[in-house]
C-alpha atoms as a PDB file:
ATOM      1  CA  MET A   1      -0.153  10.038  45.481  1.00  0.00           C
ATOM      2  CA  ALA A   2      -1.352  12.766  43.104  1.00  0.00           C
ATOM      3  CA  GLN A   3       1.795  12.379  41.049  1.00  0.00           C
ATOM      4  CA  GLY A   4       1.089   8.685  40.552  1.00  0.00           C
ATOM      5  CA  ARG A   5      -2.341   9.416  39.122  1.00  0.00           C
ATOM      6  CA  GLU A   6      -0.946  12.153  36.916  1.00  0.00           C
ATOM      7  CA  GLY A   7       1.725   9.802  35.573  1.00  0.00           C
ATOM      8  CA  ARG A   8      -0.902   7.181  34.793  1.00  0.00           C
ATOM      9  CA  GLY A   9      -2.946   9.823  32.980  1.00  0.00           C
ATOM     10  CA  ARG A  10      -0.012  10.761  30.781  1.00  0.00           C
ATOM     11  CA  ARG A  11       0.713   7.115  30.075  1.00  0.00           C
ATOM     12  CA  GLN A  12      -2.932   6.546  29.146  1.00  0.00           C
ATOM     13  CA  ARG A  13      -2.922   9.558  26.810  1.00  0.00           C
ATOM     14  CA  ARG A  14       0.247   8.248  25.142  1.00  0.00           C
ATOM     15  CA  LEU A  15      -1.290   4.804  24.698  1.00  0.00           C
ATOM     16  CA  THR A  16      -4.483   6.289  23.285  1.00  0.00           C
ATOM     17  CA  SER A  17      -2.463   8.478  20.935  1.00  0.00           C
ATOM     18  CA  THR A  18      -0.395   5.500  19.784  1.00  0.00           C
ATOM     19  CA  ARG A  19      -3.509   3.426  19.147  1.00  0.00           C
ATOM     20  CA  GLY A  20      -4.984   6.277  17.119  1.00  0.00           C
ATOM     21  CA  GLN A  21      -1.812   6.538  15.057  1.00  0.00           C
ATOM     22  CA  GLU A  22      -1.813   2.778  14.466  1.00  0.00           C
ATOM     23  CA  ALA A  23      -5.439   2.924  13.337  1.00  0.00           C
ATOM     24  CA  ARG A  24      -4.621   5.736  10.873  1.00  0.00           C
ATOM     25  CA  VAL A  25      -1.627   3.790   9.540  1.00  0.00           C
ATOM     26  CA  ASN A  26      -3.777   0.676   9.099  1.00  0.00           C
ATOM     27  CA  GLN A  27      -6.429   2.700   7.277  1.00  0.00           C
ATOM     28  CA  GLU A  28      -3.801   4.178   4.951  1.00  0.00           C
ATOM     29  CA  GLU A  29      -2.289   0.741   4.276  1.00  0.00           C
ATOM     30  CA  ASN A  30      -5.736  -0.656   3.503  1.00  0.00           C
ATOM     31  CA  LYS A  31      -6.442   2.251   1.164  1.00  0.00           C
ATOM     32  CA  LEU A  32      -3.152   1.737  -0.671  1.00  0.00           C
ATOM     33  CA  ALA A  33      -3.745  -2.011  -0.915  1.00  0.00           C
ATOM     34  CA  GLY A  34      -7.199  -1.359  -2.334  1.00  0.00           C
ATOM     35  CA  GLU A  35      -5.824   1.105  -4.882  1.00  0.00           C
ATOM     36  CA  ARG A  36      -3.109  -1.355  -5.902  1.00  0.00           C
ATOM     37  CA  GLU A  37      -5.638  -4.161  -6.273  1.00  0.00           C
ATOM     38  CA  GLN A  38      -7.793  -1.932  -8.480  1.00  0.00           C
ATOM     39  CA  ARG A  39      -4.778  -1.132 -10.686  1.00  0.00           C
ATOM     40  CA  ILE A  40      -4.069  -4.849 -11.033  1.00  0.00           C
ATOM     41  CA  ARG A  41      -7.728  -5.542 -11.827  1.00  0.00           C
ATOM     42  CA  ASP A  42      -7.766  -2.829 -14.504  1.00  0.00           C
ATOM     43  CA  ARG A  43      -4.507  -4.078 -16.021  1.00  0.00           C
ATOM     44  CA  ALA A  44      -5.716  -7.702 -16.044  1.00  0.00           C
ATOM     45  CA  TYR A  45      -8.887  -6.576 -17.800  1.00  0.00           C
ATOM     46  CA  ALA A  46      -6.862  -4.672 -20.401  1.00  0.00           C
ATOM     47  CA  ILE A  47      -4.699  -7.755 -20.988  1.00  0.00           C
ATOM     48  CA  TRP A  48      -7.841  -9.895 -21.334  1.00  0.00           C
ATOM     49  CA  GLU A  49      -9.267  -7.470 -23.899  1.00  0.00           C
ATOM     50  CA  ALA A  50      -5.958  -7.259 -25.809  1.00  0.00           C
ATOM     51  CA  GLU A  51      -5.841 -11.045 -26.073  1.00  0.00           C
ATOM     52  CA  GLY A  52      -9.290 -11.256 -27.628  1.00  0.00           C
ATOM     53  CA  SER A  53     -11.485 -11.485 -24.497  1.00  0.00           C
ATOM     54  CA  LEU A  54     -11.126 -15.271 -24.293  1.00  0.00           C
ATOM     55  CA  ASP A  55     -12.314 -16.997 -21.144  1.00  0.00           C
ATOM     56  CA  GLY A  56     -10.207 -19.326 -19.009  1.00  0.00           C
ATOM     57  CA  LYS A  57      -7.038 -17.265 -18.609  1.00  0.00           C
ATOM     58  CA  ASP A  58      -8.134 -15.064 -15.737  1.00  0.00           C
ATOM     59  CA  LEU A  59      -5.424 -16.281 -13.352  1.00  0.00           C
ATOM     60  CA  GLU A  60      -2.741 -15.897 -16.012  1.00  0.00           C
ATOM     61  CA  HIS A  61      -3.936 -12.355 -16.752  1.00  0.00           C
ATOM     62  CA  TRP A  62      -4.078 -11.472 -13.045  1.00  0.00           C
ATOM     63  CA  LEU A  63      -0.554 -12.762 -12.377  1.00  0.00           C
ATOM     64  CA  ARG A  64       0.831 -10.975 -15.420  1.00  0.00           C
ATOM     65  CA  ALA A  65      -0.888  -7.740 -14.383  1.00  0.00           C
ATOM     66  CA  GLU A  66       0.413  -8.135 -10.834  1.00  0.00           C
ATOM     67  CA  ALA A  67       3.962  -8.628 -12.116  1.00  0.00           C
ATOM     68  CA  GLU A  68       3.719  -5.580 -14.391  1.00  0.00           C
ATOM     69  CA  ILE A  69       2.417  -3.374 -11.564  1.00  0.00           C
ATOM     70  CA  ALA A  70       5.147  -4.640  -9.223  1.00  0.00           C
ATOM     71  CA  ALA A  71       7.789  -3.837 -11.857  1.00  0.00           C
ATOM     72  CA  GLU A  72       6.371  -0.327 -12.260  1.00  0.00           C
ATOM     73  CA  GLU A  73       6.418   0.188  -8.502  1.00  0.00           C
ATOM     74  CA  GLN A  74      10.034  -0.955  -8.299  1.00  0.00           C
ATOM     75  CA  GLY A  75      11.008   1.397 -11.096  1.00  0.00           C
ATOM     76  CA  GLY A  76       9.181   4.279  -9.419  1.00  0.00           C
ATOM     77  CA  SER A  77      10.893   3.781  -6.076  1.00  0.00           C
ATOM     78  CA  GLN A  78      14.317   3.680  -7.706  1.00  0.00           C
ATOM     79  CA  ASP A  79      13.600   6.958  -9.522  1.00  0.00           C
ATOM     80  CA  LYS A  80      12.624   8.606  -6.237  1.00  0.00           C
ATOM     81  CA  GLU A  81      15.865   7.422  -4.631  1.00  0.00           C
ATOM     82  CA  ARG A  82      17.863   8.999  -7.431  1.00  0.00           C
ATOM     83  CA  ILE A  83      16.107  12.318  -6.994  1.00  0.00           C
ATOM     84  CA  VAL A  84      16.621  12.345  -3.209  1.00  0.00           C
ATOM     85  CA  ASP A  85      20.290  11.235  -3.275  1.00  0.00           C
ATOM     86  CA  PRO A  86      22.379  14.192  -4.554  1.00  0.00           C
ATOM     87  CA  ASP A  87      25.514  12.021  -4.888  1.00  0.00           C
ATOM     88  CA  GLN A  88      24.080  10.084  -7.816  1.00  0.00           C
END
């Protein structure tokens, strides 16, 4: 009977540990998403300023900024793959 309780205790610790890890992962993902959104916001603002600060094109500026950031991220991940892969 004591072994059954001990086994449940280990299982509970594992579950608690897993939940804690999931919470940390979610926090990190939220942080990264927030940082990415801020980069897009800053880029959209720079585009707006470069185009004469005219109103009415906020969605166009946001989408363009989002596309530019996505392209940069794609380029960055490909560079990292080249560095890690010694065959290339």
